Amino acid sequence: KNYLKQNLERRLNREKKYEYDLSEILFEIEADKSMEEILKKITKSIKLIGFENTAIKYSISNSSKKGGNIGKIKETLLNQDIITELKKTKIGNYTKPIESPNGFILLKINSKKEMVYELNINKELNEMIEYEKNNQLNQFSLLFYKRLKQNSKINEY
């Protein structure tokens, strides 16, 4: 909690803050394939059928059911690596792959607006804690799923 509070105070004192409407594609690198191969396949699919349909087809995230749409997220809730990539990316485009504990993530900026209201540090801190908690629970569930997938064998006749 103290770490998140210090991080939030540092971020609030810098520059303008934004709220992003984001979509994601979360993918893993398979043992027999390289990052370049998978990224090339996903990029080609985005060009052919669009980001949303590609998210449905390739993303391992729960958001894939909604075309990868994760909704509006305040910049203050995101980690620094993601913020850095988002600042380099124009609206309507997607980021380079960002490494996450569950694989790699491509983020598309659907829209972006400046946060113009006065930020309440305690409220923002509670939102950050809730976001981090949900993020960690999602990571645990994906790790559990991966373990089940590796330990399961299906015999077909």
N, C-alpha and C. Protein backbone atom coordinates (compact mmCIF):
# COMPACT_ATOMS: atom_id res chain seq x y z
N LYS A 1 0.83 -1.20 0.00
CA LYS A 1 0.00 0.00 0.00
C LYS A 1 0.88 1.26 0.00
N ASN A 2 1.96 1.24 0.80
CA ASN A 2 2.87 2.39 0.86
C ASN A 2 3.56 2.60 -0.47
N TYR A 3 3.97 1.50 -1.12
CA TYR A 3 4.62 1.60 -2.42
C TYR A 3 3.67 2.23 -3.44
N LEU A 4 2.43 1.77 -3.46
CA LEU A 4 1.45 2.32 -4.40
C LEU A 4 1.19 3.79 -4.12
N LYS A 5 1.14 4.15 -2.85
CA LYS A 5 0.88 5.55 -2.48
C LYS A 5 2.03 6.46 -2.94
N GLN A 6 3.26 6.03 -2.71
CA GLN A 6 4.42 6.82 -3.16
C GLN A 6 4.44 6.94 -4.67
N ASN A 7 4.17 5.85 -5.34
CA ASN A 7 4.13 5.84 -6.79
C ASN A 7 3.05 6.79 -7.31
N LEU A 8 1.88 6.76 -6.70
CA LEU A 8 0.78 7.64 -7.09
C LEU A 8 1.15 9.11 -6.88
N GLU A 9 1.73 9.44 -5.75
CA GLU A 9 2.11 10.83 -5.47
C GLU A 9 3.14 11.34 -6.48
N ARG A 10 4.09 10.48 -6.86
CA ARG A 10 5.08 10.86 -7.88
C ARG A 10 4.39 11.14 -9.21
N ARG A 11 3.47 10.28 -9.58
CA ARG A 11 2.78 10.44 -10.86
C ARG A 11 1.90 11.68 -10.87
N LEU A 12 1.23 11.97 -9.78
CA LEU A 12 0.31 13.10 -9.73
C LEU A 12 1.03 14.44 -9.85
N ASN A 13 2.27 14.48 -9.44
CA ASN A 13 3.01 15.74 -9.45
C ASN A 13 3.64 16.06 -10.78
N ARG A 14 3.65 15.16 -11.73
CA ARG A 14 4.35 15.37 -12.99
C ARG A 14 3.57 16.18 -14.00
N GLU A 15 2.85 15.54 -14.86
CA GLU A 15 2.24 16.19 -16.01
C GLU A 15 0.75 15.89 -16.08
N LYS A 16 0.15 16.25 -17.22
CA LYS A 16 -1.26 15.97 -17.44
C LYS A 16 -1.52 14.48 -17.34
N LYS A 17 -2.69 14.14 -16.85
CA LYS A 17 -3.08 12.74 -16.74
C LYS A 17 -4.21 12.46 -17.71
N TYR A 18 -4.23 11.23 -18.23
CA TYR A 18 -5.22 10.84 -19.22
C TYR A 18 -5.98 9.60 -18.77
N GLU A 19 -7.16 9.48 -19.34
CA GLU A 19 -7.96 8.27 -19.18
C GLU A 19 -8.03 7.65 -20.56
N TYR A 20 -7.67 6.38 -20.64
CA TYR A 20 -7.61 5.67 -21.92
C TYR A 20 -8.77 4.67 -22.03
N ASP A 21 -9.35 4.59 -23.21
CA ASP A 21 -10.28 3.52 -23.53
C ASP A 21 -9.46 2.52 -24.34
N LEU A 22 -9.23 1.33 -23.76
CA LEU A 22 -8.28 0.38 -24.33
C LEU A 22 -8.91 -0.94 -24.73
N SER A 23 -8.26 -1.58 -25.69
CA SER A 23 -8.54 -2.97 -26.04
C SER A 23 -7.21 -3.70 -25.99
N GLU A 24 -7.27 -5.02 -25.75
CA GLU A 24 -6.03 -5.77 -25.58
C GLU A 24 -6.06 -7.10 -26.32
N ILE A 25 -4.85 -7.55 -26.63
CA ILE A 25 -4.64 -8.92 -27.09
C ILE A 25 -3.51 -9.46 -26.22
N LEU A 26 -3.85 -10.44 -25.40
CA LEU A 26 -2.87 -11.09 -24.53
C LEU A 26 -2.52 -12.43 -25.17
N PHE A 27 -1.23 -12.66 -25.40
CA PHE A 27 -0.82 -13.91 -26.05
C PHE A 27 0.43 -14.47 -25.41
N GLU A 28 0.61 -15.77 -25.61
CA GLU A 28 1.78 -16.46 -25.09
C GLU A 28 2.69 -16.87 -26.24
N ILE A 29 3.94 -17.10 -25.91
CA ILE A 29 4.89 -17.62 -26.89
C ILE A 29 4.91 -19.14 -26.70
N GLU A 30 4.52 -19.85 -27.74
CA GLU A 30 4.50 -21.31 -27.68
C GLU A 30 5.93 -21.83 -27.78
N ALA A 31 6.16 -23.01 -27.23
CA ALA A 31 7.50 -23.58 -27.15
C ALA A 31 8.17 -23.73 -28.51
N ASP A 32 7.40 -24.08 -29.52
CA ASP A 32 8.00 -24.35 -30.82
C ASP A 32 7.98 -23.15 -31.77
N LYS A 33 7.57 -21.99 -31.28
CA LYS A 33 7.49 -20.80 -32.13
C LYS A 33 8.27 -19.64 -31.52
N SER A 34 8.64 -18.69 -32.36
CA SER A 34 9.37 -17.52 -31.87
C SER A 34 8.41 -16.34 -31.73
N MET A 35 8.86 -15.35 -31.02
CA MET A 35 8.07 -14.13 -30.83
C MET A 35 7.76 -13.49 -32.18
N GLU A 36 8.74 -13.47 -33.08
CA GLU A 36 8.55 -12.86 -34.39
C GLU A 36 7.45 -13.56 -35.19
N GLU A 37 7.44 -14.89 -35.15
CA GLU A 37 6.42 -15.65 -35.89
C GLU A 37 5.02 -15.32 -35.39
N ILE A 38 4.85 -15.36 -34.07
CA ILE A 38 3.52 -15.12 -33.49
C ILE A 38 3.09 -13.68 -33.73
N LEU A 39 4.02 -12.74 -33.54
CA LEU A 39 3.69 -11.33 -33.75
C LEU A 39 3.34 -11.07 -35.21
N LYS A 40 4.05 -11.71 -36.12
CA LYS A 40 3.76 -11.56 -37.56
C LYS A 40 2.36 -12.09 -37.88
N LYS A 41 2.01 -13.24 -37.30
CA LYS A 41 0.69 -13.83 -37.52
C LYS A 41 -0.42 -12.92 -36.96
N ILE A 42 -0.21 -12.37 -35.77
CA ILE A 42 -1.21 -11.49 -35.16
C ILE A 42 -1.33 -10.18 -35.94
N THR A 43 -0.20 -9.59 -36.34
CA THR A 43 -0.21 -8.35 -37.11
C THR A 43 -0.94 -8.53 -38.44
N LYS A 44 -0.66 -9.65 -39.10
CA LYS A 44 -1.34 -9.94 -40.37
C LYS A 44 -2.84 -10.07 -40.16
N SER A 45 -3.22 -10.73 -39.09
CA SER A 45 -4.64 -10.90 -38.77
C SER A 45 -5.31 -9.56 -38.47
N ILE A 46 -4.61 -8.68 -37.76
CA ILE A 46 -5.17 -7.36 -37.45
C ILE A 46 -5.44 -6.60 -38.74
N LYS A 47 -4.50 -6.68 -39.70
CA LYS A 47 -4.68 -5.99 -40.98
C LYS A 47 -5.86 -6.57 -41.77
N LEU A 48 -6.03 -7.90 -41.70
CA LEU A 48 -7.08 -8.56 -42.48
C LEU A 48 -8.48 -8.45 -41.86
N ILE A 49 -8.58 -8.76 -40.56
CA ILE A 49 -9.90 -8.83 -39.94
C ILE A 49 -10.14 -7.82 -38.82
N GLY A 50 -9.14 -7.00 -38.52
CA GLY A 50 -9.30 -5.97 -37.50
C GLY A 50 -8.84 -6.44 -36.12
N PHE A 51 -8.63 -5.46 -35.25
CA PHE A 51 -8.10 -5.73 -33.91
C PHE A 51 -9.08 -6.56 -33.08
N GLU A 52 -10.36 -6.19 -33.13
CA GLU A 52 -11.37 -6.85 -32.30
C GLU A 52 -11.50 -8.33 -32.65
N ASN A 53 -11.60 -8.63 -33.93
CA ASN A 53 -11.72 -10.03 -34.36
C ASN A 53 -10.44 -10.82 -34.08
N THR A 54 -9.30 -10.16 -34.19
CA THR A 54 -8.04 -10.82 -33.87
C THR A 54 -7.97 -11.13 -32.39
N ALA A 55 -8.48 -10.22 -31.55
CA ALA A 55 -8.51 -10.46 -30.11
C ALA A 55 -9.37 -11.68 -29.79
N ILE A 56 -10.50 -11.79 -30.46
CA ILE A 56 -11.39 -12.95 -30.26
C ILE A 56 -10.67 -14.24 -30.65
N LYS A 57 -9.91 -14.17 -31.72
CA LYS A 57 -9.25 -15.36 -32.28
C LYS A 57 -7.99 -15.77 -31.50
N TYR A 58 -7.16 -14.80 -31.11
CA TYR A 58 -5.84 -15.13 -30.56
C TYR A 58 -5.63 -14.81 -29.07
N SER A 59 -6.40 -13.92 -28.49
CA SER A 59 -6.14 -13.50 -27.12
C SER A 59 -6.54 -14.58 -26.12
N ILE A 60 -5.72 -14.74 -25.07
CA ILE A 60 -6.02 -15.70 -24.00
C ILE A 60 -6.66 -15.00 -22.81
N SER A 61 -6.90 -13.72 -22.92
CA SER A 61 -7.50 -12.94 -21.85
C SER A 61 -9.01 -13.11 -21.83
N ASN A 62 -9.62 -12.87 -20.67
CA ASN A 62 -11.08 -12.92 -20.56
C ASN A 62 -11.75 -11.87 -21.44
N SER A 63 -11.04 -10.78 -21.72
CA SER A 63 -11.60 -9.70 -22.53
C SER A 63 -11.76 -10.10 -23.99
N SER A 64 -11.20 -11.24 -24.39
CA SER A 64 -11.29 -11.66 -25.79
C SER A 64 -12.74 -11.87 -26.22
N LYS A 65 -13.60 -12.22 -25.28
CA LYS A 65 -15.02 -12.42 -25.59
C LYS A 65 -15.69 -11.13 -26.03
N LYS A 66 -15.11 -9.99 -25.61
CA LYS A 66 -15.66 -8.68 -25.97
C LYS A 66 -14.78 -7.99 -27.02
N GLY A 67 -14.09 -8.76 -27.81
CA GLY A 67 -13.22 -8.20 -28.83
C GLY A 67 -11.99 -7.53 -28.25
N GLY A 68 -11.60 -7.94 -27.05
CA GLY A 68 -10.43 -7.38 -26.40
C GLY A 68 -10.69 -6.09 -25.65
N ASN A 69 -11.91 -5.59 -25.68
CA ASN A 69 -12.22 -4.31 -25.04
C ASN A 69 -12.14 -4.43 -23.52
N ILE A 70 -11.26 -3.62 -22.92
CA ILE A 70 -11.15 -3.61 -21.46
C ILE A 70 -11.73 -2.34 -20.86
N GLY A 71 -12.16 -1.41 -21.71
CA GLY A 71 -12.85 -0.22 -21.23
C GLY A 71 -11.91 0.92 -20.86
N LYS A 72 -12.47 1.85 -20.09
CA LYS A 72 -11.72 3.05 -19.72
C LYS A 72 -10.88 2.78 -18.47
N ILE A 73 -9.62 3.18 -18.55
CA ILE A 73 -8.69 2.99 -17.44
C ILE A 73 -7.91 4.29 -17.25
N LYS A 74 -7.86 4.74 -16.01
CA LYS A 74 -7.09 5.94 -15.69
C LYS A 74 -5.60 5.62 -15.75
N GLU A 75 -4.86 6.58 -16.23
CA GLU A 75 -3.41 6.43 -16.34
C GLU A 75 -2.78 6.11 -14.99
N THR A 76 -3.35 6.64 -13.94
CA THR A 76 -2.78 6.44 -12.60
C THR A 76 -2.86 4.99 -12.15
N LEU A 77 -3.67 4.17 -12.79
CA LEU A 77 -3.80 2.76 -12.42
C LEU A 77 -2.82 1.86 -13.17
N LEU A 78 -2.16 2.39 -14.19
CA LEU A 78 -1.29 1.58 -15.05
C LEU A 78 0.15 1.63 -14.58
N ASN A 79 0.91 0.57 -14.89
CA ASN A 79 2.33 0.59 -14.53
C ASN A 79 3.12 1.43 -15.54
N GLN A 80 4.32 1.77 -15.17
CA GLN A 80 5.13 2.72 -15.96
C GLN A 80 5.46 2.20 -17.35
N ASP A 81 5.71 0.90 -17.49
CA ASP A 81 6.02 0.33 -18.82
C ASP A 81 4.85 0.54 -19.78
N ILE A 82 3.65 0.31 -19.29
CA ILE A 82 2.46 0.47 -20.13
C ILE A 82 2.25 1.94 -20.47
N ILE A 83 2.40 2.82 -19.49
CA ILE A 83 2.23 4.26 -19.74
C ILE A 83 3.21 4.74 -20.80
N THR A 84 4.46 4.30 -20.70
CA THR A 84 5.48 4.70 -21.67
C THR A 84 5.08 4.29 -23.08
N GLU A 85 4.61 3.05 -23.24
CA GLU A 85 4.18 2.59 -24.57
C GLU A 85 2.95 3.33 -25.06
N LEU A 86 1.99 3.60 -24.16
CA LEU A 86 0.77 4.30 -24.56
C LEU A 86 1.08 5.72 -25.04
N LYS A 87 2.05 6.38 -24.39
CA LYS A 87 2.40 7.75 -24.78
C LYS A 87 3.03 7.79 -26.18
N LYS A 88 3.65 6.68 -26.60
CA LYS A 88 4.26 6.61 -27.93
C LYS A 88 3.24 6.27 -29.01
N THR A 89 2.04 5.86 -28.60
CA THR A 89 1.05 5.31 -29.53
C THR A 89 -0.06 6.31 -29.80
N LYS A 90 -0.46 6.42 -31.06
CA LYS A 90 -1.55 7.32 -31.45
C LYS A 90 -2.90 6.63 -31.26
N ILE A 91 -3.94 7.44 -31.12
CA ILE A 91 -5.30 6.92 -30.99
C ILE A 91 -5.64 6.12 -32.24
N GLY A 92 -6.22 4.94 -32.03
CA GLY A 92 -6.58 4.05 -33.14
C GLY A 92 -5.49 3.04 -33.48
N ASN A 93 -4.29 3.23 -32.95
CA ASN A 93 -3.19 2.30 -33.18
C ASN A 93 -2.96 1.45 -31.96
N TYR A 94 -2.07 0.47 -32.09
CA TYR A 94 -1.76 -0.40 -30.95
C TYR A 94 -0.27 -0.36 -30.65
N THR A 95 0.07 -0.73 -29.41
CA THR A 95 1.43 -0.66 -28.92
C THR A 95 2.27 -1.83 -29.44
N LYS A 96 3.55 -1.74 -29.19
CA LYS A 96 4.43 -2.88 -29.39
C LYS A 96 4.10 -3.87 -28.27
N PRO A 97 4.51 -5.13 -28.41
CA PRO A 97 4.23 -6.10 -27.34
C PRO A 97 4.89 -5.67 -26.02
N ILE A 98 4.09 -5.72 -24.96
CA ILE A 98 4.56 -5.38 -23.62
C ILE A 98 4.57 -6.67 -22.82
N GLU A 99 5.70 -6.96 -22.20
CA GLU A 99 5.80 -8.20 -21.44
C GLU A 99 4.98 -8.09 -20.16
N SER A 100 4.23 -9.16 -19.87
CA SER A 100 3.46 -9.23 -18.63
C SER A 100 3.69 -10.61 -18.03
N PRO A 101 3.30 -10.82 -16.79
CA PRO A 101 3.54 -12.13 -16.17
C PRO A 101 2.86 -13.29 -16.90
N ASN A 102 1.80 -13.01 -17.65
CA ASN A 102 1.06 -14.07 -18.34
C ASN A 102 1.40 -14.20 -19.81
N GLY A 103 2.36 -13.46 -20.28
CA GLY A 103 2.73 -13.49 -21.69
C GLY A 103 3.05 -12.10 -22.18
N PHE A 104 2.54 -11.77 -23.36
CA PHE A 104 2.76 -10.46 -23.95
C PHE A 104 1.41 -9.84 -24.28
N ILE A 105 1.36 -8.52 -24.23
CA ILE A 105 0.10 -7.82 -24.43
C ILE A 105 0.27 -6.73 -25.47
N LEU A 106 -0.69 -6.64 -26.38
CA LEU A 106 -0.79 -5.53 -27.33
C LEU A 106 -1.99 -4.70 -26.87
N LEU A 107 -1.80 -3.40 -26.72
CA LEU A 107 -2.88 -2.51 -26.30
C LEU A 107 -3.24 -1.56 -27.44
N LYS A 108 -4.51 -1.47 -27.74
CA LYS A 108 -5.00 -0.53 -28.75
C LYS A 108 -5.69 0.61 -28.03
N ILE A 109 -5.35 1.84 -28.43
CA ILE A 109 -6.00 3.01 -27.84
C ILE A 109 -7.23 3.34 -28.68
N ASN A 110 -8.41 3.11 -28.11
CA ASN A 110 -9.66 3.43 -28.79
C ASN A 110 -9.96 4.92 -28.68
N SER A 111 -9.71 5.49 -27.50
CA SER A 111 -9.86 6.93 -27.29
C SER A 111 -9.04 7.33 -26.07
N LYS A 112 -8.86 8.63 -25.93
CA LYS A 112 -8.03 9.15 -24.86
C LYS A 112 -8.56 10.52 -24.49
N LYS A 113 -8.75 10.76 -23.19
CA LYS A 113 -9.17 12.10 -22.80
C LYS A 113 -8.41 12.54 -21.56
N GLU A 114 -8.19 13.83 -21.49
CA GLU A 114 -7.45 14.39 -20.37
C GLU A 114 -8.33 14.38 -19.12
N MET A 115 -7.72 13.99 -18.01
CA MET A 115 -8.43 14.03 -16.72
C MET A 115 -8.31 15.45 -16.20
N VAL A 116 -9.44 16.13 -16.05
CA VAL A 116 -9.41 17.55 -15.67
C VAL A 116 -9.88 17.81 -14.26
N TYR A 117 -10.32 16.79 -13.56
CA TYR A 117 -10.81 17.01 -12.22
C TYR A 117 -9.70 16.88 -11.19
N GLU A 118 -9.95 17.37 -10.00
CA GLU A 118 -9.01 17.28 -8.89
C GLU A 118 -8.95 15.82 -8.42
N LEU A 119 -7.74 15.28 -8.36
CA LEU A 119 -7.59 13.89 -7.95
C LEU A 119 -7.56 13.76 -6.44
N ASN A 120 -8.35 12.86 -5.92
CA ASN A 120 -8.36 12.55 -4.50
C ASN A 120 -7.39 11.39 -4.29
N ILE A 121 -6.29 11.64 -3.57
CA ILE A 121 -5.24 10.63 -3.44
C ILE A 121 -5.77 9.36 -2.80
N ASN A 122 -6.60 9.46 -1.75
CA ASN A 122 -7.10 8.26 -1.09
C ASN A 122 -8.01 7.45 -2.01
N LYS A 123 -8.86 8.14 -2.75
CA LYS A 123 -9.76 7.44 -3.68
C LYS A 123 -8.94 6.76 -4.77
N GLU A 124 -7.98 7.48 -5.34
CA GLU A 124 -7.12 6.90 -6.38
C GLU A 124 -6.32 5.72 -5.84
N LEU A 125 -5.84 5.85 -4.60
CA LEU A 125 -5.07 4.78 -3.98
C LEU A 125 -5.93 3.52 -3.82
N ASN A 126 -7.16 3.70 -3.36
CA ASN A 126 -8.07 2.56 -3.21
C ASN A 126 -8.36 1.91 -4.57
N GLU A 127 -8.53 2.73 -5.60
CA GLU A 127 -8.75 2.19 -6.95
C GLU A 127 -7.52 1.42 -7.43
N MET A 128 -6.32 1.95 -7.13
CA MET A 128 -5.09 1.26 -7.53
C MET A 128 -4.97 -0.08 -6.82
N ILE A 129 -5.30 -0.11 -5.54
CA ILE A 129 -5.22 -1.35 -4.76
C ILE A 129 -6.19 -2.37 -5.33
N GLU A 130 -7.40 -1.95 -5.62
CA GLU A 130 -8.42 -2.84 -6.18
C GLU A 130 -7.99 -3.36 -7.55
N TYR A 131 -7.43 -2.45 -8.37
CA TYR A 131 -6.96 -2.84 -9.71
C TYR A 131 -5.82 -3.85 -9.60
N GLU A 132 -4.87 -3.60 -8.72
CA GLU A 132 -3.74 -4.52 -8.54
C GLU A 132 -4.21 -5.86 -8.02
N LYS A 133 -5.17 -5.84 -7.11
CA LYS A 133 -5.71 -7.08 -6.55
C LYS A 133 -6.38 -7.90 -7.66
N ASN A 134 -7.21 -7.26 -8.48
CA ASN A 134 -7.87 -7.95 -9.58
C ASN A 134 -6.86 -8.47 -10.60
N ASN A 135 -5.84 -7.66 -10.86
CA ASN A 135 -4.80 -8.05 -11.80
C ASN A 135 -4.08 -9.30 -11.30
N GLN A 136 -3.76 -9.32 -10.01
CA GLN A 136 -3.07 -10.47 -9.45
C GLN A 136 -3.96 -11.71 -9.46
N LEU A 137 -5.23 -11.55 -9.15
CA LEU A 137 -6.16 -12.69 -9.19
C LEU A 137 -6.27 -13.24 -10.61
N ASN A 138 -6.30 -12.36 -11.61
CA ASN A 138 -6.33 -12.81 -13.00
C ASN A 138 -5.06 -13.58 -13.35
N GLN A 139 -3.91 -13.08 -12.86
CA GLN A 139 -2.65 -13.77 -13.13
C GLN A 139 -2.65 -15.16 -12.49
N PHE A 140 -3.15 -15.25 -11.25
CA PHE A 140 -3.21 -16.54 -10.58
C PHE A 140 -4.12 -17.51 -11.33
N SER A 141 -5.26 -17.02 -11.81
CA SER A 141 -6.18 -17.90 -12.52
C SER A 141 -5.57 -18.38 -13.83
N LEU A 142 -4.86 -17.50 -14.55
CA LEU A 142 -4.20 -17.92 -15.79
C LEU A 142 -3.08 -18.92 -15.52
N LEU A 143 -2.33 -18.70 -14.44
CA LEU A 143 -1.27 -19.65 -14.09
C LEU A 143 -1.86 -21.01 -13.73
N PHE A 144 -2.97 -21.00 -12.99
CA PHE A 144 -3.64 -22.25 -12.64
C PHE A 144 -4.13 -22.97 -13.89
N TYR A 145 -4.70 -22.20 -14.82
CA TYR A 145 -5.18 -22.77 -16.08
C TYR A 145 -4.01 -23.38 -16.87
N LYS A 146 -2.89 -22.68 -16.92
CA LYS A 146 -1.72 -23.20 -17.64
C LYS A 146 -1.25 -24.52 -17.02
N ARG A 147 -1.22 -24.57 -15.68
CA ARG A 147 -0.80 -25.78 -15.00
C ARG A 147 -1.76 -26.95 -15.31
N LEU A 148 -3.05 -26.66 -15.27
CA LEU A 148 -4.03 -27.70 -15.61
C LEU A 148 -3.85 -28.18 -17.04
N LYS A 149 -3.62 -27.23 -17.94
CA LYS A 149 -3.44 -27.55 -19.35
C LYS A 149 -2.22 -28.45 -19.56
N GLN A 150 -1.13 -28.13 -18.84
CA GLN A 150 0.09 -28.93 -18.98
C GLN A 150 -0.06 -30.32 -18.38
N ASN A 151 -0.82 -30.44 -17.30
CA ASN A 151 -0.94 -31.72 -16.61
C ASN A 151 -2.09 -32.58 -17.11
N SER A 152 -2.87 -32.06 -18.01
CA SER A 152 -4.01 -32.82 -18.54
C SER A 152 -3.63 -33.53 -19.82
N LYS A 153 -4.08 -34.77 -19.91
CA LYS A 153 -3.87 -35.55 -21.12
C LYS A 153 -5.21 -36.11 -21.54
N ILE A 154 -5.54 -35.92 -22.79
CA ILE A 154 -6.81 -36.42 -23.32
C ILE A 154 -6.49 -37.53 -24.32
N ASN A 155 -7.03 -38.68 -24.04
CA ASN A 155 -6.84 -39.82 -24.95
C ASN A 155 -8.00 -39.86 -25.91
N GLU A 156 -7.69 -39.86 -27.19
CA GLU A 156 -8.73 -39.97 -28.21
C GLU A 156 -8.65 -41.35 -28.83
N TYR A 157 -9.78 -41.90 -29.15
CA TYR A 157 -9.83 -43.25 -29.74
C TYR A 157 -9.93 -43.18 -31.22
